[in-house]
N, C-alpha and C. Protein backbone atom coordinates (compact mmCIF):
# COMPACT_ATOMS: atom_id res chain seq x y z
N UNK A 1 18.38 -42.76 37.04
CA UNK A 1 16.94 -43.03 37.13
C UNK A 1 16.18 -41.73 36.97
N UNK A 2 15.19 -41.71 36.09
CA UNK A 2 14.46 -40.49 35.82
C UNK A 2 13.50 -40.16 36.94
N UNK A 3 13.01 -38.91 36.95
CA UNK A 3 12.08 -38.48 38.00
C UNK A 3 10.75 -39.22 37.89
N UNK A 4 10.12 -39.42 39.03
CA UNK A 4 8.85 -40.12 39.06
C UNK A 4 7.75 -39.21 38.53
N UNK A 5 6.81 -39.76 37.80
CA UNK A 5 5.68 -38.99 37.31
C UNK A 5 4.53 -39.10 38.28
N UNK A 6 3.89 -37.97 38.53
CA UNK A 6 2.72 -38.00 39.39
C UNK A 6 1.55 -38.56 38.61
N UNK A 7 0.49 -38.93 39.32
CA UNK A 7 -0.69 -39.46 38.65
C UNK A 7 -1.31 -38.43 37.72
N UNK A 8 -1.31 -37.14 38.16
CA UNK A 8 -1.89 -36.09 37.34
C UNK A 8 -1.10 -35.92 36.07
N UNK A 9 0.23 -35.92 36.20
CA UNK A 9 1.07 -35.73 35.03
C UNK A 9 0.92 -36.88 34.05
N UNK A 10 0.77 -38.08 34.59
CA UNK A 10 0.67 -39.24 33.71
C UNK A 10 -0.63 -39.25 32.93
N UNK A 11 -1.64 -38.52 33.44
CA UNK A 11 -2.93 -38.50 32.77
C UNK A 11 -2.94 -37.50 31.60
N UNK A 12 -2.03 -36.53 31.63
CA UNK A 12 -2.00 -35.51 30.58
C UNK A 12 -1.29 -36.07 29.37
N UNK A 13 -1.99 -36.17 28.26
CA UNK A 13 -1.43 -36.74 27.05
C UNK A 13 -1.23 -35.65 26.01
N UNK A 14 -0.22 -35.81 25.16
CA UNK A 14 -0.02 -34.84 24.09
C UNK A 14 -1.20 -34.84 23.14
N UNK A 15 -1.39 -33.73 22.36
CA UNK A 15 -2.55 -33.63 21.47
C UNK A 15 -2.72 -34.81 20.54
N UNK A 16 -1.60 -35.30 19.94
CA UNK A 16 -1.74 -36.40 18.98
C UNK A 16 -2.16 -37.68 19.66
N UNK A 17 -1.88 -37.82 20.98
CA UNK A 17 -2.28 -39.02 21.72
C UNK A 17 -3.76 -38.96 22.07
N UNK A 18 -4.35 -37.74 22.06
CA UNK A 18 -5.77 -37.59 22.37
C UNK A 18 -6.62 -37.67 21.10
N UNK A 19 -6.00 -37.99 19.99
CA UNK A 19 -6.76 -38.10 18.75
C UNK A 19 -6.86 -36.79 17.99
N UNK A 20 -6.09 -35.76 18.40
CA UNK A 20 -6.09 -34.47 17.71
C UNK A 20 -4.83 -34.39 16.86
N UNK A 21 -4.96 -34.35 15.55
CA UNK A 21 -3.77 -34.30 14.68
C UNK A 21 -2.89 -33.11 15.00
N UNK A 22 -1.58 -33.35 14.99
CA UNK A 22 -0.65 -32.27 15.28
C UNK A 22 -0.79 -31.13 14.27
N UNK A 23 -1.11 -31.48 13.00
CA UNK A 23 -1.25 -30.45 11.97
C UNK A 23 -2.36 -29.47 12.32
N UNK A 24 -3.45 -29.97 12.94
CA UNK A 24 -4.55 -29.08 13.31
C UNK A 24 -4.11 -28.11 14.40
N UNK A 25 -3.32 -28.60 15.34
CA UNK A 25 -2.84 -27.73 16.41
C UNK A 25 -1.91 -26.67 15.84
N UNK A 26 -1.03 -27.08 14.92
CA UNK A 26 -0.09 -26.13 14.32
C UNK A 26 -0.85 -25.07 13.53
N UNK A 27 -1.92 -25.48 12.83
CA UNK A 27 -2.67 -24.53 12.02
C UNK A 27 -3.34 -23.47 12.88
N UNK A 28 -3.62 -23.80 14.14
CA UNK A 28 -4.23 -22.82 15.03
C UNK A 28 -3.23 -21.78 15.50
N UNK A 29 -2.00 -22.19 15.66
CA UNK A 29 -0.99 -21.27 16.19
C UNK A 29 -0.19 -20.58 15.09
N UNK A 30 -0.16 -21.15 13.90
CA UNK A 30 0.58 -20.56 12.79
C UNK A 30 -0.40 -20.29 11.66
N UNK A 31 -0.80 -19.02 11.52
CA UNK A 31 -1.84 -18.67 10.55
C UNK A 31 -1.33 -18.61 9.12
N UNK A 32 -0.02 -18.47 8.96
CA UNK A 32 0.56 -18.38 7.62
C UNK A 32 1.67 -19.39 7.44
N UNK A 33 1.86 -19.86 6.20
CA UNK A 33 1.06 -19.55 5.00
C UNK A 33 -0.33 -20.16 5.07
N UNK A 34 -1.28 -19.50 4.39
CA UNK A 34 -2.65 -19.97 4.38
C UNK A 34 -3.20 -19.89 2.96
N UNK A 35 -4.26 -20.62 2.72
CA UNK A 35 -4.87 -20.64 1.39
C UNK A 35 -5.51 -19.29 1.10
N UNK A 36 -5.30 -18.79 -0.11
CA UNK A 36 -5.83 -17.49 -0.51
C UNK A 36 -7.35 -17.46 -0.37
N UNK A 37 -7.84 -16.40 0.26
CA UNK A 37 -9.29 -16.19 0.36
C UNK A 37 -9.95 -16.82 1.56
N UNK A 38 -9.20 -17.48 2.44
CA UNK A 38 -9.80 -18.13 3.61
C UNK A 38 -9.78 -17.18 4.81
N UNK A 39 -10.90 -17.13 5.51
CA UNK A 39 -11.01 -16.26 6.68
C UNK A 39 -10.25 -16.84 7.87
N UNK A 40 -9.90 -15.95 8.79
CA UNK A 40 -9.27 -16.36 10.04
C UNK A 40 -10.37 -16.54 11.08
N UNK A 41 -10.39 -17.67 11.74
CA UNK A 41 -11.43 -17.95 12.72
C UNK A 41 -11.30 -17.01 13.92
N UNK A 42 -12.40 -16.33 14.24
CA UNK A 42 -12.40 -15.41 15.38
C UNK A 42 -12.58 -16.15 16.70
N UNK A 43 -12.83 -17.45 16.63
CA UNK A 43 -12.97 -18.25 17.85
C UNK A 43 -11.70 -19.02 18.17
N UNK A 44 -10.65 -18.78 17.39
CA UNK A 44 -9.37 -19.46 17.62
C UNK A 44 -8.84 -19.09 19.01
N UNK A 45 -8.73 -20.04 19.92
CA UNK A 45 -8.30 -19.73 21.28
C UNK A 45 -6.84 -19.28 21.38
N UNK A 46 -6.07 -19.50 20.34
CA UNK A 46 -4.66 -19.14 20.37
C UNK A 46 -4.43 -17.69 19.93
N UNK A 47 -5.47 -17.03 19.44
CA UNK A 47 -5.35 -15.63 19.03
C UNK A 47 -5.87 -14.75 20.15
N UNK A 48 -5.05 -13.87 20.71
CA UNK A 48 -5.50 -13.01 21.81
C UNK A 48 -6.53 -12.00 21.35
N UNK A 49 -7.38 -11.57 22.28
CA UNK A 49 -8.40 -10.58 21.94
C UNK A 49 -7.76 -9.26 21.53
N UNK A 50 -6.71 -8.89 22.24
CA UNK A 50 -6.00 -7.64 21.94
C UNK A 50 -4.55 -7.78 22.36
N UNK A 51 -3.65 -7.33 21.50
CA UNK A 51 -2.23 -7.43 21.80
C UNK A 51 -1.45 -6.45 20.93
N UNK A 52 -0.43 -5.84 21.52
CA UNK A 52 0.43 -4.94 20.77
C UNK A 52 1.59 -5.68 20.12
N UNK A 53 1.86 -6.88 20.58
CA UNK A 53 3.02 -7.63 20.09
C UNK A 53 2.65 -8.85 19.25
N UNK A 54 1.37 -9.22 19.25
CA UNK A 54 0.96 -10.40 18.50
C UNK A 54 -0.24 -10.08 17.62
N UNK A 55 -0.41 -10.88 16.59
CA UNK A 55 -1.61 -10.78 15.76
C UNK A 55 -2.82 -11.11 16.63
N UNK A 56 -3.81 -10.20 16.68
CA UNK A 56 -4.94 -10.41 17.58
C UNK A 56 -6.26 -10.51 16.82
N UNK A 57 -7.34 -10.63 17.58
CA UNK A 57 -8.66 -10.82 16.96
C UNK A 57 -9.13 -9.57 16.21
N UNK A 58 -8.74 -8.40 16.68
CA UNK A 58 -9.11 -7.18 15.96
C UNK A 58 -8.48 -7.17 14.57
N UNK A 59 -7.20 -7.55 14.50
CA UNK A 59 -6.53 -7.65 13.20
C UNK A 59 -7.21 -8.70 12.33
N UNK A 60 -7.65 -9.79 12.95
CA UNK A 60 -8.32 -10.86 12.20
C UNK A 60 -9.63 -10.36 11.59
N UNK A 61 -10.37 -9.55 12.36
CA UNK A 61 -11.63 -9.01 11.83
C UNK A 61 -11.37 -8.10 10.63
N UNK A 62 -10.36 -7.24 10.74
CA UNK A 62 -10.02 -6.36 9.62
C UNK A 62 -9.57 -7.18 8.42
N UNK A 63 -8.78 -8.20 8.68
CA UNK A 63 -8.28 -9.05 7.59
C UNK A 63 -9.44 -9.74 6.87
N UNK A 64 -10.39 -10.27 7.63
CA UNK A 64 -11.54 -10.95 7.02
C UNK A 64 -12.37 -9.99 6.18
N UNK A 65 -12.49 -8.74 6.63
CA UNK A 65 -13.24 -7.74 5.86
C UNK A 65 -12.54 -7.43 4.54
N UNK A 66 -11.21 -7.39 4.58
CA UNK A 66 -10.45 -7.08 3.37
C UNK A 66 -10.49 -8.20 2.34
N UNK A 67 -10.88 -9.40 2.76
CA UNK A 67 -11.00 -10.51 1.81
C UNK A 67 -12.11 -10.25 0.79
N UNK A 68 -13.04 -9.36 1.13
CA UNK A 68 -14.15 -9.04 0.23
C UNK A 68 -13.74 -8.05 -0.86
N UNK A 69 -12.54 -7.49 -0.73
CA UNK A 69 -12.06 -6.48 -1.67
C UNK A 69 -11.10 -7.12 -2.66
N UNK A 70 -11.34 -6.87 -3.93
CA UNK A 70 -10.47 -7.40 -4.98
C UNK A 70 -9.31 -6.43 -5.17
N UNK A 71 -8.11 -6.85 -4.86
CA UNK A 71 -6.93 -6.00 -4.94
C UNK A 71 -6.34 -6.08 -6.34
N UNK A 72 -6.33 -4.95 -7.04
CA UNK A 72 -5.86 -4.88 -8.42
C UNK A 72 -4.65 -3.96 -8.52
N UNK A 73 -3.85 -4.11 -9.56
CA UNK A 73 -2.69 -3.22 -9.73
C UNK A 73 -3.13 -1.81 -10.06
N UNK A 74 -2.37 -0.83 -9.60
CA UNK A 74 -2.66 0.56 -9.94
C UNK A 74 -2.36 0.79 -11.42
N UNK A 75 -3.32 1.33 -12.13
CA UNK A 75 -3.14 1.60 -13.55
C UNK A 75 -3.10 3.12 -13.76
N UNK A 76 -1.95 3.63 -14.15
CA UNK A 76 -1.85 5.05 -14.45
C UNK A 76 -2.37 5.33 -15.86
N UNK A 77 -2.33 4.32 -16.71
CA UNK A 77 -2.78 4.46 -18.09
C UNK A 77 -3.56 3.21 -18.48
N UNK A 78 -4.73 3.40 -19.08
CA UNK A 78 -5.50 2.28 -19.60
C UNK A 78 -5.19 2.16 -21.08
N UNK A 79 -4.23 1.29 -21.41
CA UNK A 79 -3.77 1.16 -22.79
C UNK A 79 -4.89 0.75 -23.73
N UNK A 80 -5.78 -0.12 -23.27
CA UNK A 80 -6.88 -0.57 -24.12
C UNK A 80 -7.80 0.57 -24.53
N UNK A 81 -8.16 1.41 -23.55
CA UNK A 81 -9.04 2.54 -23.84
C UNK A 81 -8.37 3.53 -24.78
N UNK A 82 -7.07 3.76 -24.57
CA UNK A 82 -6.35 4.70 -25.45
C UNK A 82 -6.24 4.16 -26.87
N UNK A 83 -6.07 2.86 -27.01
CA UNK A 83 -6.05 2.25 -28.35
C UNK A 83 -7.38 2.45 -29.06
N UNK A 84 -8.47 2.28 -28.31
CA UNK A 84 -9.80 2.46 -28.89
C UNK A 84 -10.01 3.90 -29.35
N UNK A 85 -9.40 4.85 -28.63
CA UNK A 85 -9.53 6.26 -28.98
C UNK A 85 -8.53 6.69 -30.05
N UNK A 86 -7.58 5.80 -30.36
CA UNK A 86 -6.57 6.13 -31.36
C UNK A 86 -5.52 7.09 -30.86
N UNK A 87 -5.31 7.13 -29.53
CA UNK A 87 -4.39 8.10 -28.93
C UNK A 87 -3.17 7.44 -28.29
N UNK A 88 -3.14 6.13 -28.26
CA UNK A 88 -2.10 5.45 -27.49
C UNK A 88 -0.70 5.74 -28.01
N UNK A 89 -0.49 5.67 -29.31
CA UNK A 89 0.85 5.87 -29.87
C UNK A 89 1.36 7.29 -29.60
N UNK A 90 0.49 8.28 -29.82
CA UNK A 90 0.90 9.67 -29.59
C UNK A 90 1.19 9.92 -28.11
N UNK A 91 0.33 9.39 -27.25
CA UNK A 91 0.55 9.59 -25.82
C UNK A 91 1.83 8.90 -25.37
N UNK A 92 2.06 7.68 -25.87
CA UNK A 92 3.28 6.96 -25.49
C UNK A 92 4.52 7.74 -25.92
N UNK A 93 4.46 8.39 -27.08
CA UNK A 93 5.60 9.19 -27.54
C UNK A 93 5.86 10.36 -26.59
N UNK A 94 4.79 11.01 -26.13
CA UNK A 94 4.95 12.12 -25.19
C UNK A 94 5.53 11.63 -23.87
N UNK A 95 4.98 10.54 -23.35
CA UNK A 95 5.46 10.01 -22.07
C UNK A 95 6.89 9.49 -22.18
N UNK A 96 7.24 8.99 -23.36
CA UNK A 96 8.61 8.50 -23.57
C UNK A 96 9.60 9.66 -23.50
N UNK A 97 9.25 10.79 -24.10
CA UNK A 97 10.11 11.98 -24.05
C UNK A 97 10.26 12.46 -22.60
N UNK A 98 9.18 12.35 -21.83
CA UNK A 98 9.21 12.77 -20.42
C UNK A 98 9.94 11.76 -19.54
N UNK A 99 10.20 10.57 -20.08
CA UNK A 99 10.92 9.56 -19.32
C UNK A 99 10.07 8.77 -18.35
N UNK A 100 8.75 8.78 -18.53
CA UNK A 100 7.87 8.07 -17.60
C UNK A 100 7.00 7.03 -18.29
N UNK A 101 7.31 6.72 -19.54
CA UNK A 101 6.47 5.76 -20.28
C UNK A 101 6.45 4.39 -19.60
N UNK A 102 7.61 3.92 -19.15
CA UNK A 102 7.67 2.60 -18.51
C UNK A 102 6.88 2.57 -17.21
N UNK A 103 6.98 3.64 -16.42
CA UNK A 103 6.27 3.68 -15.15
C UNK A 103 4.76 3.61 -15.35
N UNK A 104 4.31 4.12 -16.47
CA UNK A 104 2.87 4.16 -16.73
C UNK A 104 2.33 2.86 -17.30
N UNK A 105 3.20 2.00 -17.79
CA UNK A 105 2.72 0.79 -18.45
C UNK A 105 3.12 -0.50 -17.75
N UNK A 106 4.20 -0.49 -16.99
CA UNK A 106 4.65 -1.72 -16.33
C UNK A 106 3.70 -2.08 -15.19
N UNK A 107 3.27 -3.33 -15.14
CA UNK A 107 2.46 -3.83 -14.04
C UNK A 107 3.34 -4.70 -13.16
N UNK A 108 3.53 -4.28 -11.93
CA UNK A 108 4.40 -5.01 -11.02
C UNK A 108 3.65 -6.17 -10.37
N UNK A 109 4.37 -7.18 -9.90
CA UNK A 109 3.72 -8.33 -9.25
C UNK A 109 2.90 -7.88 -8.04
N UNK A 110 1.79 -8.55 -7.83
CA UNK A 110 0.92 -8.24 -6.69
C UNK A 110 1.09 -9.28 -5.60
N UNK A 111 0.96 -8.83 -4.37
CA UNK A 111 0.99 -9.72 -3.21
C UNK A 111 -0.23 -9.39 -2.36
N UNK A 112 -1.42 -9.78 -2.84
CA UNK A 112 -2.66 -9.35 -2.18
C UNK A 112 -2.77 -9.75 -0.72
N UNK A 113 -2.30 -10.95 -0.37
CA UNK A 113 -2.45 -11.36 1.03
C UNK A 113 -1.56 -10.52 1.94
N UNK A 114 -0.35 -10.21 1.49
CA UNK A 114 0.52 -9.33 2.28
C UNK A 114 -0.10 -7.95 2.41
N UNK A 115 -0.73 -7.47 1.34
CA UNK A 115 -1.39 -6.17 1.38
C UNK A 115 -2.49 -6.18 2.44
N UNK A 116 -3.28 -7.24 2.47
CA UNK A 116 -4.35 -7.33 3.47
C UNK A 116 -3.79 -7.35 4.89
N UNK A 117 -2.72 -8.10 5.08
CA UNK A 117 -2.13 -8.19 6.42
C UNK A 117 -1.64 -6.82 6.89
N UNK A 118 -0.98 -6.10 5.99
CA UNK A 118 -0.46 -4.78 6.36
C UNK A 118 -1.60 -3.81 6.63
N UNK A 119 -2.60 -3.77 5.74
CA UNK A 119 -3.72 -2.85 5.93
C UNK A 119 -4.52 -3.17 7.19
N UNK A 120 -4.59 -4.44 7.53
CA UNK A 120 -5.36 -4.85 8.71
C UNK A 120 -4.68 -4.44 10.01
N UNK A 121 -3.38 -4.22 9.96
CA UNK A 121 -2.64 -3.95 11.21
C UNK A 121 -1.87 -2.64 11.19
N UNK A 122 -1.93 -1.89 10.09
CA UNK A 122 -1.15 -0.65 9.98
C UNK A 122 -1.50 0.33 11.09
N UNK A 123 -0.47 0.88 11.69
CA UNK A 123 -0.68 1.80 12.81
C UNK A 123 0.50 2.76 12.91
N UNK A 124 0.20 3.99 13.25
CA UNK A 124 1.23 5.00 13.48
C UNK A 124 1.43 5.12 14.98
N UNK A 125 2.63 4.83 15.45
CA UNK A 125 2.92 4.86 16.88
C UNK A 125 4.01 5.88 17.19
N UNK A 126 4.05 6.29 18.45
CA UNK A 126 5.03 7.27 18.90
C UNK A 126 5.71 6.78 20.17
N UNK A 127 6.98 7.13 20.33
CA UNK A 127 7.71 6.74 21.53
C UNK A 127 7.03 7.30 22.77
N UNK A 128 6.55 8.55 22.64
CA UNK A 128 5.81 9.18 23.73
C UNK A 128 4.42 9.53 23.19
N UNK A 129 3.42 8.69 23.45
CA UNK A 129 2.08 8.92 22.89
C UNK A 129 1.52 10.31 23.17
N UNK A 130 1.88 10.87 24.30
CA UNK A 130 1.38 12.20 24.64
C UNK A 130 2.12 13.33 23.96
N UNK A 131 3.18 13.00 23.22
CA UNK A 131 4.00 14.01 22.55
C UNK A 131 4.29 13.52 21.13
N UNK A 132 3.27 13.51 20.26
CA UNK A 132 3.44 12.96 18.91
C UNK A 132 4.22 13.88 17.98
N UNK A 133 5.47 13.56 17.74
CA UNK A 133 6.29 14.34 16.82
C UNK A 133 6.87 13.41 15.75
N UNK A 134 7.20 13.98 14.61
CA UNK A 134 7.66 13.21 13.47
C UNK A 134 8.91 12.40 13.80
N UNK A 135 9.85 13.01 14.51
CA UNK A 135 11.12 12.35 14.80
C UNK A 135 10.95 11.09 15.64
N UNK A 136 9.84 10.97 16.36
CA UNK A 136 9.62 9.81 17.23
C UNK A 136 8.47 8.93 16.73
N UNK A 137 8.09 9.12 15.48
CA UNK A 137 6.97 8.35 14.92
C UNK A 137 7.47 7.12 14.18
N UNK A 138 6.70 6.06 14.26
CA UNK A 138 7.03 4.81 13.57
C UNK A 138 5.78 4.23 12.93
N UNK A 139 5.98 3.57 11.80
CA UNK A 139 4.90 2.87 11.11
C UNK A 139 5.04 1.39 11.46
N UNK A 140 4.02 0.83 12.09
CA UNK A 140 4.07 -0.57 12.52
C UNK A 140 3.01 -1.39 11.79
N UNK A 141 3.32 -2.64 11.55
CA UNK A 141 2.39 -3.53 10.87
C UNK A 141 2.85 -4.98 11.09
N UNK A 142 1.99 -5.92 10.73
CA UNK A 142 2.30 -7.35 10.87
C UNK A 142 2.28 -8.01 9.50
N UNK A 143 3.22 -8.93 9.28
CA UNK A 143 3.19 -9.81 8.12
C UNK A 143 3.54 -11.21 8.59
N UNK A 144 2.74 -12.17 8.16
CA UNK A 144 2.92 -13.58 8.57
C UNK A 144 2.99 -13.71 10.08
N UNK A 145 2.22 -12.87 10.78
CA UNK A 145 2.15 -12.93 12.23
C UNK A 145 3.31 -12.28 12.95
N UNK A 146 4.24 -11.68 12.22
CA UNK A 146 5.42 -11.06 12.83
C UNK A 146 5.27 -9.54 12.79
N UNK A 147 5.54 -8.89 13.91
CA UNK A 147 5.43 -7.44 13.99
C UNK A 147 6.66 -6.78 13.38
N UNK A 148 6.42 -5.74 12.59
CA UNK A 148 7.49 -4.95 11.99
C UNK A 148 7.27 -3.48 12.31
N UNK A 149 8.34 -2.76 12.42
CA UNK A 149 8.24 -1.33 12.72
C UNK A 149 9.38 -0.59 12.02
N UNK A 150 9.03 0.55 11.42
CA UNK A 150 10.03 1.37 10.74
C UNK A 150 9.73 2.84 11.05
N UNK A 151 10.75 3.59 11.36
CA UNK A 151 10.55 5.00 11.69
C UNK A 151 10.15 5.78 10.44
N UNK A 152 9.40 6.86 10.64
CA UNK A 152 9.00 7.68 9.50
C UNK A 152 10.21 8.34 8.86
N UNK A 153 11.21 8.65 9.66
CA UNK A 153 12.43 9.23 9.09
C UNK A 153 13.08 8.25 8.12
N UNK A 154 13.12 6.96 8.49
CA UNK A 154 13.70 5.96 7.60
C UNK A 154 12.86 5.79 6.35
N UNK A 155 11.54 5.89 6.49
CA UNK A 155 10.66 5.76 5.33
C UNK A 155 10.89 6.89 4.33
N UNK A 156 11.13 8.09 4.84
CA UNK A 156 11.40 9.22 3.93
C UNK A 156 12.69 8.99 3.16
N UNK A 157 13.65 8.30 3.79
CA UNK A 157 14.90 7.99 3.09
C UNK A 157 14.66 6.93 2.01
N UNK A 158 13.88 5.90 2.35
CA UNK A 158 13.62 4.82 1.41
C UNK A 158 12.89 5.33 0.17
N UNK A 159 11.87 6.16 0.39
CA UNK A 159 11.08 6.68 -0.73
C UNK A 159 11.62 7.99 -1.27
N UNK A 160 12.79 8.39 -0.77
CA UNK A 160 13.47 9.59 -1.26
C UNK A 160 12.57 10.81 -1.18
N UNK A 161 11.85 10.93 -0.06
CA UNK A 161 11.03 12.11 0.19
C UNK A 161 11.91 13.12 0.91
N UNK A 162 12.32 14.13 0.22
CA UNK A 162 13.27 15.08 0.77
C UNK A 162 12.60 16.42 1.03
N UNK A 163 13.05 17.10 2.07
CA UNK A 163 12.56 18.44 2.37
C UNK A 163 13.52 19.50 1.83
N UNK A 164 14.47 19.05 1.03
CA UNK A 164 15.51 19.96 0.55
C UNK A 164 14.94 21.08 -0.32
N UNK A 165 13.87 20.77 -1.08
CA UNK A 165 13.34 21.75 -2.02
C UNK A 165 12.00 22.33 -1.60
N UNK A 166 11.66 22.23 -0.33
CA UNK A 166 10.36 22.72 0.11
C UNK A 166 10.24 24.23 0.00
N UNK A 167 11.35 24.95 0.02
CA UNK A 167 11.31 26.41 -0.06
C UNK A 167 11.65 26.93 -1.45
N UNK A 168 11.69 26.03 -2.42
CA UNK A 168 11.99 26.44 -3.80
C UNK A 168 10.81 27.22 -4.37
N UNK A 169 11.08 28.30 -5.05
CA UNK A 169 10.01 29.11 -5.65
C UNK A 169 10.42 29.52 -7.06
N UNK A 170 9.42 29.82 -7.87
CA UNK A 170 9.65 30.27 -9.24
C UNK A 170 9.34 31.76 -9.35
N UNK A 171 9.95 32.42 -10.30
CA UNK A 171 9.65 33.85 -10.48
C UNK A 171 8.18 34.05 -10.82
N UNK A 172 7.62 35.19 -10.38
CA UNK A 172 6.21 35.45 -10.61
C UNK A 172 5.91 35.59 -12.11
N UNK A 173 6.80 36.19 -12.85
CA UNK A 173 6.61 36.35 -14.28
C UNK A 173 7.63 35.48 -15.01
N UNK A 174 7.13 34.49 -15.70
CA UNK A 174 7.99 33.54 -16.39
C UNK A 174 7.44 33.35 -17.80
N UNK A 175 7.91 34.15 -18.78
CA UNK A 175 7.34 34.14 -20.14
C UNK A 175 7.21 32.76 -20.79
N UNK A 176 8.22 31.86 -20.67
CA UNK A 176 8.05 30.54 -21.30
C UNK A 176 6.83 29.78 -20.78
N UNK A 177 6.52 29.99 -19.50
CA UNK A 177 5.36 29.32 -18.93
C UNK A 177 4.08 29.78 -19.62
N UNK A 178 3.95 31.10 -19.81
CA UNK A 178 2.76 31.64 -20.47
C UNK A 178 2.68 31.19 -21.93
N UNK A 179 3.83 31.15 -22.59
CA UNK A 179 3.84 30.73 -23.99
C UNK A 179 3.40 29.28 -24.13
N UNK A 180 3.88 28.42 -23.22
CA UNK A 180 3.49 27.02 -23.26
C UNK A 180 2.00 26.87 -22.95
N UNK A 181 1.52 27.65 -21.98
CA UNK A 181 0.10 27.59 -21.64
C UNK A 181 -0.79 27.96 -22.81
N UNK A 182 -0.42 29.01 -23.55
CA UNK A 182 -1.21 29.42 -24.71
C UNK A 182 -1.14 28.39 -25.83
N UNK A 183 -0.03 27.67 -25.90
CA UNK A 183 0.15 26.70 -26.97
C UNK A 183 -0.74 25.47 -26.79
N UNK A 184 -0.87 25.00 -25.56
CA UNK A 184 -1.63 23.76 -25.34
C UNK A 184 -3.04 24.01 -24.83
N UNK A 185 -3.32 25.23 -24.34
CA UNK A 185 -4.63 25.49 -23.74
C UNK A 185 -5.30 26.68 -24.39
N UNK A 186 -6.48 27.01 -23.88
CA UNK A 186 -7.28 28.06 -24.49
C UNK A 186 -7.09 29.42 -23.83
N UNK A 187 -6.22 29.51 -22.82
CA UNK A 187 -6.00 30.79 -22.15
C UNK A 187 -4.65 30.76 -21.45
N UNK A 188 -4.27 31.92 -20.89
CA UNK A 188 -3.00 32.01 -20.18
C UNK A 188 -3.02 31.06 -18.98
N UNK A 189 -1.83 30.53 -18.68
CA UNK A 189 -1.70 29.60 -17.55
C UNK A 189 -1.67 30.37 -16.23
N UNK A 190 -2.57 30.01 -15.33
CA UNK A 190 -2.59 30.56 -13.98
C UNK A 190 -2.68 29.37 -13.03
N UNK A 191 -1.66 29.22 -12.22
CA UNK A 191 -1.59 28.03 -11.37
C UNK A 191 -2.78 27.89 -10.44
N UNK A 192 -3.32 29.03 -9.98
CA UNK A 192 -4.43 28.96 -9.02
C UNK A 192 -5.75 28.55 -9.66
N UNK A 193 -5.88 28.83 -10.95
CA UNK A 193 -7.15 28.55 -11.62
C UNK A 193 -6.99 27.62 -12.82
N UNK A 194 -5.81 27.02 -12.96
CA UNK A 194 -5.57 26.15 -14.11
C UNK A 194 -6.49 24.93 -14.06
N UNK A 195 -6.99 24.55 -15.20
CA UNK A 195 -7.87 23.38 -15.30
C UNK A 195 -7.46 22.53 -16.50
N UNK A 196 -7.43 21.23 -16.28
CA UNK A 196 -7.06 20.34 -17.38
C UNK A 196 -8.08 20.41 -18.51
N UNK A 197 -9.31 20.79 -18.20
CA UNK A 197 -10.34 20.86 -19.23
C UNK A 197 -10.08 21.97 -20.24
N UNK A 198 -9.18 22.92 -19.91
CA UNK A 198 -8.86 24.01 -20.83
C UNK A 198 -7.88 23.57 -21.91
N UNK A 199 -7.27 22.41 -21.75
CA UNK A 199 -6.29 21.94 -22.73
C UNK A 199 -7.03 21.43 -23.96
N UNK A 200 -6.69 21.96 -25.10
CA UNK A 200 -7.40 21.61 -26.34
C UNK A 200 -6.98 20.25 -26.88
N UNK A 201 -5.67 20.00 -26.92
CA UNK A 201 -5.16 18.77 -27.52
C UNK A 201 -5.48 17.58 -26.61
N UNK A 202 -6.19 16.56 -27.12
CA UNK A 202 -6.56 15.43 -26.26
C UNK A 202 -5.35 14.66 -25.72
N UNK A 203 -4.28 14.56 -26.52
CA UNK A 203 -3.09 13.86 -26.06
C UNK A 203 -2.45 14.60 -24.90
N UNK A 204 -2.34 15.93 -25.01
CA UNK A 204 -1.76 16.72 -23.93
C UNK A 204 -2.65 16.69 -22.70
N UNK A 205 -3.96 16.67 -22.92
CA UNK A 205 -4.90 16.63 -21.78
C UNK A 205 -4.71 15.32 -21.00
N UNK A 206 -4.63 14.21 -21.74
CA UNK A 206 -4.44 12.92 -21.08
C UNK A 206 -3.06 12.83 -20.45
N UNK A 207 -2.04 13.40 -21.11
CA UNK A 207 -0.69 13.39 -20.55
C UNK A 207 -0.65 14.12 -19.22
N UNK A 208 -1.36 15.26 -19.14
CA UNK A 208 -1.42 16.02 -17.88
C UNK A 208 -2.12 15.19 -16.80
N UNK A 209 -3.17 14.50 -17.20
CA UNK A 209 -3.90 13.65 -16.25
C UNK A 209 -3.02 12.51 -15.76
N UNK A 210 -2.28 11.90 -16.67
CA UNK A 210 -1.39 10.79 -16.32
C UNK A 210 -0.32 11.25 -15.34
N UNK A 211 0.26 12.42 -15.59
CA UNK A 211 1.31 12.92 -14.70
C UNK A 211 0.77 13.17 -13.30
N UNK A 212 -0.45 13.70 -13.21
CA UNK A 212 -1.07 13.90 -11.90
C UNK A 212 -1.29 12.57 -11.19
N UNK A 213 -1.81 11.60 -11.94
CA UNK A 213 -2.03 10.28 -11.35
C UNK A 213 -0.73 9.64 -10.88
N UNK A 214 0.32 9.85 -11.68
CA UNK A 214 1.61 9.26 -11.35
C UNK A 214 2.22 9.90 -10.11
N UNK A 215 2.12 11.22 -10.01
CA UNK A 215 2.70 11.94 -8.87
C UNK A 215 2.02 11.55 -7.56
N UNK A 216 0.70 11.35 -7.62
CA UNK A 216 -0.05 11.03 -6.41
C UNK A 216 -0.39 9.54 -6.31
N UNK A 217 0.22 8.73 -7.20
CA UNK A 217 -0.02 7.29 -7.23
C UNK A 217 -1.52 6.99 -7.22
N UNK A 218 -2.23 7.67 -8.10
CA UNK A 218 -3.69 7.55 -8.17
C UNK A 218 -4.08 6.65 -9.33
N UNK A 219 -5.05 5.81 -9.08
CA UNK A 219 -5.49 4.87 -10.12
C UNK A 219 -6.26 5.60 -11.20
N UNK A 220 -6.11 5.13 -12.43
CA UNK A 220 -6.85 5.69 -13.56
C UNK A 220 -8.13 4.89 -13.75
N UNK A 221 -9.32 5.50 -13.54
CA UNK A 221 -10.57 4.74 -13.67
C UNK A 221 -10.84 4.36 -15.11
């Protein structure tokens, strides 16, 4: 024989029995997957005002703000503009010799909603907040409402950021460097005062710009 129900317990009905569809309740507690471009309600009672372990209202506000931004792929090279200038073929030949032609032209798939989620919650945390050191730093973020964390040391391994060559230096006088500088530019190459505007050949000028954009993952306007 089952336990007796009290009068109070018998009065409490599940959401679907009160005329509230179960799907509506689930949508309040599970924000993803969601339709692209829809804001997260800041009055949702299931989202805490502030939390280190859950998606909170502060993250929701940041996410809603990011919906106003159109997320586009990074373009290191504008092929259309180069075609109009008649420089695309020559530039592609230079980049092909350098081995970076594919990196400059391939457009990878975009995941704009995941980008918004990460940007809305990205945070640098430390095991000991009062003693912020690299070895104890972690990059934390949320995707689909789940918290993720990765140490900065692990990130340097993933992106192959090595400190092995930080003390590498070149000789102060390097004749081939000067010869190359005179060949492509209007004066001797000086690293402290070098300017891309001194490069005479338009293909070489754009190639230098592309390499800078590629190294710093900078978009080409």
